[in-house]
Amino acid sequence: MSLKARLTEDMKDAMRAKDKDRLATIRLILAALKQREVDERIELDDTQVLAVLDKMLKQRRESIAQFESAGRTDLAEKEAAEAAIIQTYLPAALSPAELDALIDATITATGAAGVRDMGKVMAAIKAQAQGRADMSEVSARIRTRLGG
């Protein structure tokens, strides 16, 4: 079952269970997916759906930080609840050891020698780590490995 089909089924289940928060979040996800499909005139596959979910999760994390710094814990809690629901559709996160091994293997495979090769390494890792790791953290780790 594709990720989009799973989201649609979960939306129906949330309607039946009258779970308003989960239903609202799944509708937000489906709306974002539909918007991207309409904008780009394509049918999204699972990797593209994961990219949209990853972007939505990143937005929620940034919003939580801003709301907490402004003292709006009520809004921060709402965003955290949405982030938790979005997280359930992403694959399991990579452990730091797995991430380091992936970075080392990719650096070796691409033949990267310095910081100027960082784009090559990021492009290669992005396909494997999308939705499983915070790409800003991946970028920082690659930069330290390449001597930046």
N, C-alpha and C. Protein backbone atom coordinates (compact mmCIF):
# COMPACT_ATOMS: atom_id res chain seq x y z
N MET A 1 0.85 -1.18 0.00
CA MET A 1 0.00 0.00 0.00
C MET A 1 0.89 1.24 0.00
N SER A 2 0.60 2.18 -0.88
CA SER A 2 1.39 3.40 -0.95
C SER A 2 1.11 4.28 0.27
N LEU A 3 2.00 5.21 0.49
CA LEU A 3 1.87 6.10 1.64
C LEU A 3 0.62 6.98 1.52
N LYS A 4 0.33 7.42 0.30
CA LYS A 4 -0.88 8.23 0.10
C LYS A 4 -2.13 7.43 0.40
N ALA A 5 -2.17 6.18 -0.02
CA ALA A 5 -3.33 5.32 0.25
C ALA A 5 -3.47 5.07 1.74
N ARG A 6 -2.35 4.90 2.41
CA ARG A 6 -2.38 4.69 3.86
C ARG A 6 -2.92 5.93 4.57
N LEU A 7 -2.50 7.10 4.11
CA LEU A 7 -3.00 8.36 4.69
C LEU A 7 -4.51 8.47 4.49
N THR A 8 -4.99 8.13 3.32
CA THR A 8 -6.42 8.20 3.03
C THR A 8 -7.19 7.24 3.93
N GLU A 9 -6.68 6.03 4.09
CA GLU A 9 -7.34 5.06 4.97
C GLU A 9 -7.33 5.52 6.43
N ASP A 10 -6.20 6.10 6.85
CA ASP A 10 -6.12 6.61 8.22
C ASP A 10 -7.06 7.78 8.44
N MET A 11 -7.28 8.57 7.40
CA MET A 11 -8.23 9.68 7.50
C MET A 11 -9.63 9.13 7.74
N LYS A 12 -9.99 8.09 6.99
CA LYS A 12 -11.31 7.47 7.17
C LYS A 12 -11.45 6.89 8.57
N ASP A 13 -10.39 6.24 9.04
CA ASP A 13 -10.42 5.67 10.39
C ASP A 13 -10.57 6.76 11.45
N ALA A 14 -9.88 7.89 11.25
CA ALA A 14 -9.99 9.00 12.20
C ALA A 14 -11.40 9.59 12.19
N MET A 15 -12.02 9.62 11.02
CA MET A 15 -13.41 10.11 10.94
C MET A 15 -14.33 9.19 11.73
N ARG A 16 -14.16 7.88 11.52
CA ARG A 16 -15.01 6.91 12.21
C ARG A 16 -14.82 6.98 13.73
N ALA A 17 -13.57 7.20 14.15
CA ALA A 17 -13.25 7.24 15.57
C ALA A 17 -13.53 8.62 16.19
N LYS A 18 -13.91 9.58 15.34
CA LYS A 18 -14.15 10.95 15.77
C LYS A 18 -12.93 11.56 16.49
N ASP A 19 -11.75 11.22 15.96
CA ASP A 19 -10.49 11.76 16.48
C ASP A 19 -10.18 13.05 15.71
N LYS A 20 -10.65 14.17 16.24
CA LYS A 20 -10.59 15.44 15.52
C LYS A 20 -9.16 15.92 15.25
N ASP A 21 -8.29 15.77 16.24
CA ASP A 21 -6.91 16.25 16.06
C ASP A 21 -6.18 15.47 14.98
N ARG A 22 -6.29 14.16 15.04
CA ARG A 22 -5.63 13.31 14.03
C ARG A 22 -6.22 13.56 12.65
N LEU A 23 -7.53 13.70 12.58
CA LEU A 23 -8.20 13.96 11.31
C LEU A 23 -7.72 15.28 10.71
N ALA A 24 -7.65 16.32 11.53
CA ALA A 24 -7.21 17.62 11.03
C ALA A 24 -5.78 17.57 10.50
N THR A 25 -4.91 16.87 11.21
CA THR A 25 -3.51 16.78 10.78
C THR A 25 -3.39 15.98 9.48
N ILE A 26 -4.11 14.87 9.38
CA ILE A 26 -4.05 14.07 8.15
C ILE A 26 -4.61 14.87 6.98
N ARG A 27 -5.66 15.64 7.22
CA ARG A 27 -6.19 16.49 6.15
C ARG A 27 -5.17 17.53 5.72
N LEU A 28 -4.41 18.08 6.67
CA LEU A 28 -3.34 19.03 6.33
C LEU A 28 -2.29 18.36 5.43
N ILE A 29 -1.93 17.15 5.79
CA ILE A 29 -0.93 16.41 5.01
C ILE A 29 -1.45 16.16 3.60
N LEU A 30 -2.68 15.66 3.50
CA LEU A 30 -3.25 15.36 2.18
C LEU A 30 -3.40 16.63 1.34
N ALA A 31 -3.73 17.74 1.98
CA ALA A 31 -3.85 19.01 1.25
C ALA A 31 -2.49 19.45 0.72
N ALA A 32 -1.45 19.28 1.52
CA ALA A 32 -0.10 19.65 1.07
C ALA A 32 0.34 18.77 -0.10
N LEU A 33 0.00 17.48 -0.02
CA LEU A 33 0.35 16.56 -1.11
C LEU A 33 -0.40 16.94 -2.39
N LYS A 34 -1.68 17.22 -2.25
CA LYS A 34 -2.51 17.59 -3.41
C LYS A 34 -2.01 18.89 -4.02
N GLN A 35 -1.64 19.85 -3.17
CA GLN A 35 -1.13 21.13 -3.66
C GLN A 35 0.12 20.93 -4.50
N ARG A 36 1.02 20.08 -4.01
CA ARG A 36 2.26 19.82 -4.76
C ARG A 36 1.96 19.12 -6.08
N GLU A 37 1.02 18.18 -6.06
CA GLU A 37 0.65 17.48 -7.30
C GLU A 37 0.05 18.44 -8.31
N VAL A 38 -0.79 19.34 -7.86
CA VAL A 38 -1.42 20.31 -8.77
C VAL A 38 -0.39 21.30 -9.30
N ASP A 39 0.47 21.79 -8.40
CA ASP A 39 1.48 22.77 -8.81
C ASP A 39 2.44 22.20 -9.85
N GLU A 40 2.87 20.97 -9.64
CA GLU A 40 3.87 20.38 -10.51
C GLU A 40 3.28 19.48 -11.59
N ARG A 41 1.96 19.29 -11.55
CA ARG A 41 1.25 18.44 -12.52
C ARG A 41 1.87 17.04 -12.61
N ILE A 42 2.05 16.45 -11.44
CA ILE A 42 2.61 15.10 -11.35
C ILE A 42 1.82 14.29 -10.34
N GLU A 43 2.06 12.99 -10.34
CA GLU A 43 1.51 12.09 -9.32
C GLU A 43 2.68 11.77 -8.39
N LEU A 44 2.56 12.07 -7.10
CA LEU A 44 3.66 11.87 -6.17
C LEU A 44 3.85 10.39 -5.85
N ASP A 45 5.12 9.96 -5.84
CA ASP A 45 5.42 8.61 -5.39
C ASP A 45 5.82 8.68 -3.90
N ASP A 46 6.13 7.55 -3.31
CA ASP A 46 6.40 7.51 -1.88
C ASP A 46 7.59 8.37 -1.46
N THR A 47 8.65 8.43 -2.27
CA THR A 47 9.81 9.25 -1.89
C THR A 47 9.45 10.73 -1.90
N GLN A 48 8.63 11.14 -2.84
CA GLN A 48 8.21 12.54 -2.88
C GLN A 48 7.26 12.85 -1.73
N VAL A 49 6.40 11.89 -1.37
CA VAL A 49 5.52 12.07 -0.22
C VAL A 49 6.35 12.21 1.05
N LEU A 50 7.40 11.40 1.17
CA LEU A 50 8.29 11.51 2.33
C LEU A 50 8.96 12.87 2.39
N ALA A 51 9.33 13.42 1.24
CA ALA A 51 9.96 14.73 1.21
C ALA A 51 8.98 15.80 1.71
N VAL A 52 7.71 15.71 1.32
CA VAL A 52 6.70 16.66 1.77
C VAL A 52 6.50 16.51 3.28
N LEU A 53 6.42 15.28 3.77
CA LEU A 53 6.25 15.04 5.21
C LEU A 53 7.44 15.57 6.00
N ASP A 54 8.63 15.36 5.46
CA ASP A 54 9.84 15.84 6.11
C ASP A 54 9.82 17.37 6.22
N LYS A 55 9.40 18.02 5.15
CA LYS A 55 9.32 19.48 5.14
C LYS A 55 8.28 19.97 6.16
N MET A 56 7.14 19.28 6.22
CA MET A 56 6.10 19.66 7.18
C MET A 56 6.59 19.48 8.62
N LEU A 57 7.33 18.41 8.87
CA LEU A 57 7.86 18.18 10.21
C LEU A 57 8.87 19.26 10.59
N LYS A 58 9.70 19.65 9.65
CA LYS A 58 10.68 20.70 9.89
C LYS A 58 9.97 22.02 10.21
N GLN A 59 8.90 22.32 9.48
CA GLN A 59 8.13 23.53 9.74
C GLN A 59 7.55 23.50 11.15
N ARG A 60 7.04 22.35 11.56
CA ARG A 60 6.46 22.23 12.91
C ARG A 60 7.52 22.45 13.97
N ARG A 61 8.71 21.89 13.77
CA ARG A 61 9.79 22.05 14.76
C ARG A 61 10.19 23.53 14.88
N GLU A 62 10.27 24.22 13.75
CA GLU A 62 10.62 25.64 13.78
C GLU A 62 9.52 26.44 14.48
N SER A 63 8.27 26.10 14.22
CA SER A 63 7.15 26.79 14.85
C SER A 63 7.15 26.57 16.35
N ILE A 64 7.45 25.35 16.78
CA ILE A 64 7.49 25.05 18.21
C ILE A 64 8.52 25.93 18.90
N ALA A 65 9.70 26.04 18.30
CA ALA A 65 10.77 26.87 18.88
C ALA A 65 10.33 28.33 18.98
N GLN A 66 9.68 28.84 17.93
CA GLN A 66 9.24 30.23 17.94
C GLN A 66 8.13 30.47 18.97
N PHE A 67 7.18 29.54 19.04
CA PHE A 67 6.08 29.69 20.00
C PHE A 67 6.59 29.62 21.43
N GLU A 68 7.54 28.72 21.70
CA GLU A 68 8.07 28.60 23.05
C GLU A 68 8.86 29.85 23.44
N SER A 69 9.60 30.42 22.50
CA SER A 69 10.36 31.63 22.81
C SER A 69 9.44 32.83 23.03
N ALA A 70 8.23 32.78 22.43
CA ALA A 70 7.25 33.85 22.62
C ALA A 70 6.34 33.60 23.81
N GLY A 71 6.53 32.45 24.48
CA GLY A 71 5.72 32.15 25.65
C GLY A 71 4.33 31.61 25.32
N ARG A 72 4.12 31.14 24.11
CA ARG A 72 2.82 30.60 23.69
C ARG A 72 2.85 29.09 23.77
N THR A 73 2.82 28.55 24.97
CA THR A 73 2.90 27.11 25.15
C THR A 73 1.69 26.39 24.57
N ASP A 74 0.53 27.05 24.54
CA ASP A 74 -0.66 26.41 23.98
C ASP A 74 -0.46 26.11 22.50
N LEU A 75 0.07 27.07 21.76
CA LEU A 75 0.31 26.86 20.33
C LEU A 75 1.47 25.88 20.10
N ALA A 76 2.46 25.93 20.99
CA ALA A 76 3.60 25.01 20.87
C ALA A 76 3.12 23.57 21.08
N GLU A 77 2.21 23.36 22.01
CA GLU A 77 1.68 22.01 22.26
C GLU A 77 0.89 21.51 21.06
N LYS A 78 0.12 22.40 20.42
CA LYS A 78 -0.65 22.03 19.24
C LYS A 78 0.29 21.60 18.10
N GLU A 79 1.34 22.38 17.89
CA GLU A 79 2.32 22.05 16.85
C GLU A 79 3.04 20.74 17.18
N ALA A 80 3.34 20.51 18.45
CA ALA A 80 4.02 19.28 18.86
C ALA A 80 3.12 18.07 18.61
N ALA A 81 1.82 18.23 18.85
CA ALA A 81 0.88 17.13 18.58
C ALA A 81 0.83 16.83 17.09
N GLU A 82 0.81 17.87 16.25
CA GLU A 82 0.82 17.67 14.80
C GLU A 82 2.12 16.99 14.37
N ALA A 83 3.24 17.44 14.94
CA ALA A 83 4.54 16.85 14.60
C ALA A 83 4.59 15.37 14.95
N ALA A 84 3.99 15.01 16.07
CA ALA A 84 3.98 13.61 16.49
C ALA A 84 3.18 12.76 15.50
N ILE A 85 2.07 13.29 15.00
CA ILE A 85 1.26 12.54 14.03
C ILE A 85 2.00 12.42 12.70
N ILE A 86 2.62 13.51 12.26
CA ILE A 86 3.40 13.47 11.01
C ILE A 86 4.54 12.46 11.13
N GLN A 87 5.18 12.43 12.30
CA GLN A 87 6.32 11.54 12.53
C GLN A 87 5.93 10.07 12.36
N THR A 88 4.67 9.73 12.64
CA THR A 88 4.25 8.33 12.52
C THR A 88 4.29 7.83 11.08
N TYR A 89 4.26 8.73 10.11
CA TYR A 89 4.27 8.33 8.70
C TYR A 89 5.68 8.32 8.11
N LEU A 90 6.66 8.79 8.88
CA LEU A 90 8.04 8.77 8.42
C LEU A 90 8.72 7.48 8.87
N PRO A 91 9.71 7.01 8.13
CA PRO A 91 10.42 5.80 8.55
C PRO A 91 11.20 6.05 9.85
N ALA A 92 11.62 4.99 10.50
CA ALA A 92 12.36 5.10 11.75
C ALA A 92 13.63 5.93 11.54
N ALA A 93 13.93 6.76 12.52
CA ALA A 93 15.09 7.65 12.42
C ALA A 93 16.39 6.84 12.51
N LEU A 94 17.40 7.34 11.84
CA LEU A 94 18.72 6.72 11.90
C LEU A 94 19.38 7.04 13.24
N SER A 95 20.05 6.08 13.83
CA SER A 95 20.81 6.34 15.05
C SER A 95 22.06 7.13 14.67
N PRO A 96 22.68 7.81 15.64
CA PRO A 96 23.92 8.54 15.32
C PRO A 96 25.00 7.65 14.71
N ALA A 97 25.11 6.42 15.20
CA ALA A 97 26.12 5.50 14.65
C ALA A 97 25.80 5.12 13.20
N GLU A 98 24.52 4.85 12.93
CA GLU A 98 24.11 4.52 11.56
C GLU A 98 24.34 5.71 10.63
N LEU A 99 24.04 6.90 11.12
CA LEU A 99 24.22 8.11 10.33
C LEU A 99 25.70 8.34 10.01
N ASP A 100 26.55 8.15 11.02
CA ASP A 100 28.00 8.30 10.80
C ASP A 100 28.51 7.28 9.79
N ALA A 101 28.04 6.04 9.88
CA ALA A 101 28.46 5.00 8.94
C ALA A 101 28.01 5.35 7.52
N LEU A 102 26.78 5.85 7.39
CA LEU A 102 26.26 6.24 6.08
C LEU A 102 27.08 7.39 5.49
N ILE A 103 27.41 8.37 6.32
CA ILE A 103 28.22 9.51 5.86
C ILE A 103 29.60 9.04 5.41
N ASP A 104 30.24 8.20 6.21
CA ASP A 104 31.58 7.70 5.86
C ASP A 104 31.55 6.92 4.55
N ALA A 105 30.55 6.06 4.40
CA ALA A 105 30.44 5.26 3.18
C ALA A 105 30.20 6.15 1.95
N THR A 106 29.37 7.17 2.12
CA THR A 106 29.07 8.06 1.00
C THR A 106 30.27 8.91 0.62
N ILE A 107 31.01 9.38 1.62
CA ILE A 107 32.22 10.16 1.34
C ILE A 107 33.22 9.30 0.56
N THR A 108 33.38 8.05 0.96
CA THR A 108 34.27 7.13 0.26
C THR A 108 33.78 6.86 -1.17
N ALA A 109 32.47 6.64 -1.30
CA ALA A 109 31.90 6.31 -2.61
C ALA A 109 31.99 7.48 -3.59
N THR A 110 31.82 8.69 -3.10
CA THR A 110 31.86 9.86 -3.99
C THR A 110 33.28 10.38 -4.19
N GLY A 111 34.20 9.95 -3.36
CA GLY A 111 35.58 10.41 -3.48
C GLY A 111 35.75 11.85 -3.04
N ALA A 112 34.92 12.30 -2.11
CA ALA A 112 34.99 13.68 -1.64
C ALA A 112 36.28 13.91 -0.86
N ALA A 113 36.92 15.05 -1.15
CA ALA A 113 38.19 15.34 -0.51
C ALA A 113 38.13 16.55 0.39
N GLY A 114 37.21 17.45 0.14
CA GLY A 114 37.14 18.67 0.94
C GLY A 114 35.73 19.22 0.98
N VAL A 115 35.61 20.39 1.60
CA VAL A 115 34.30 21.01 1.77
C VAL A 115 33.66 21.34 0.43
N ARG A 116 34.46 21.60 -0.59
CA ARG A 116 33.87 21.94 -1.90
C ARG A 116 33.11 20.77 -2.52
N ASP A 117 33.38 19.54 -2.04
CA ASP A 117 32.67 18.35 -2.52
C ASP A 117 31.42 18.04 -1.69
N MET A 118 31.07 18.94 -0.78
CA MET A 118 29.97 18.68 0.13
C MET A 118 28.64 18.49 -0.61
N GLY A 119 28.43 19.22 -1.69
CA GLY A 119 27.19 19.11 -2.46
C GLY A 119 26.99 17.71 -3.02
N LYS A 120 28.08 17.12 -3.50
CA LYS A 120 28.01 15.75 -4.03
C LYS A 120 27.59 14.76 -2.94
N VAL A 121 28.21 14.92 -1.79
CA VAL A 121 27.94 14.01 -0.67
C VAL A 121 26.49 14.19 -0.19
N MET A 122 26.05 15.45 -0.05
CA MET A 122 24.68 15.72 0.41
C MET A 122 23.66 15.14 -0.57
N ALA A 123 23.90 15.30 -1.86
CA ALA A 123 22.97 14.77 -2.86
C ALA A 123 22.85 13.25 -2.76
N ALA A 124 23.98 12.59 -2.54
CA ALA A 124 23.97 11.13 -2.45
C ALA A 124 23.29 10.66 -1.16
N ILE A 125 23.52 11.36 -0.07
CA ILE A 125 22.93 10.96 1.21
C ILE A 125 21.45 11.29 1.29
N LYS A 126 21.05 12.37 0.66
CA LYS A 126 19.66 12.82 0.78
C LYS A 126 18.67 11.73 0.36
N ALA A 127 18.99 11.00 -0.69
CA ALA A 127 18.09 9.94 -1.15
C ALA A 127 17.94 8.83 -0.11
N GLN A 128 19.01 8.55 0.62
CA GLN A 128 18.98 7.45 1.59
C GLN A 128 18.47 7.88 2.96
N ALA A 129 18.69 9.14 3.32
CA ALA A 129 18.35 9.58 4.68
C ALA A 129 17.09 10.45 4.72
N GLN A 130 16.44 10.68 3.60
CA GLN A 130 15.25 11.52 3.56
C GLN A 130 14.18 10.99 4.52
N GLY A 131 13.77 11.83 5.45
CA GLY A 131 12.74 11.44 6.39
C GLY A 131 13.26 10.62 7.56
N ARG A 132 14.51 10.22 7.51
CA ARG A 132 15.08 9.39 8.58
C ARG A 132 16.10 10.14 9.40
N ALA A 133 16.47 11.36 8.96
CA ALA A 133 17.44 12.16 9.70
C ALA A 133 17.19 13.63 9.38
N ASP A 134 17.53 14.49 10.33
CA ASP A 134 17.42 15.92 10.12
C ASP A 134 18.56 16.34 9.19
N MET A 135 18.20 16.84 8.02
CA MET A 135 19.23 17.12 7.00
C MET A 135 20.19 18.23 7.43
N SER A 136 19.78 19.14 8.31
CA SER A 136 20.71 20.17 8.79
C SER A 136 21.77 19.52 9.69
N GLU A 137 21.38 18.51 10.47
CA GLU A 137 22.34 17.78 11.28
C GLU A 137 23.29 16.98 10.39
N VAL A 138 22.75 16.36 9.35
CA VAL A 138 23.56 15.61 8.39
C VAL A 138 24.59 16.54 7.75
N SER A 139 24.14 17.71 7.35
CA SER A 139 25.02 18.69 6.72
C SER A 139 26.16 19.09 7.66
N ALA A 140 25.83 19.33 8.93
CA ALA A 140 26.87 19.71 9.90
C ALA A 140 27.88 18.58 10.10
N ARG A 141 27.40 17.36 10.16
CA ARG A 141 28.31 16.21 10.34
C ARG A 141 29.21 16.03 9.12
N ILE A 142 28.65 16.22 7.92
CA ILE A 142 29.47 16.09 6.71
C ILE A 142 30.54 17.18 6.70
N ARG A 143 30.15 18.39 7.05
CA ARG A 143 31.10 19.50 7.05
C ARG A 143 32.28 19.21 8.00
N THR A 144 32.00 18.68 9.19
CA THR A 144 33.11 18.38 10.11
C THR A 144 33.98 17.26 9.57
N ARG A 145 33.37 16.26 8.90
CA ARG A 145 34.15 15.15 8.33
C ARG A 145 35.05 15.64 7.21
N LEU A 146 34.56 16.60 6.43
CA LEU A 146 35.34 17.08 5.28
C LEU A 146 36.29 18.20 5.68
N GLY A 147 36.36 18.51 6.96
CA GLY A 147 37.32 19.49 7.43
C GLY A 147 36.87 20.93 7.33
N GLY A 148 35.55 21.16 7.43
CA GLY A 148 35.02 22.51 7.28
C GLY A 148 34.96 23.26 8.56
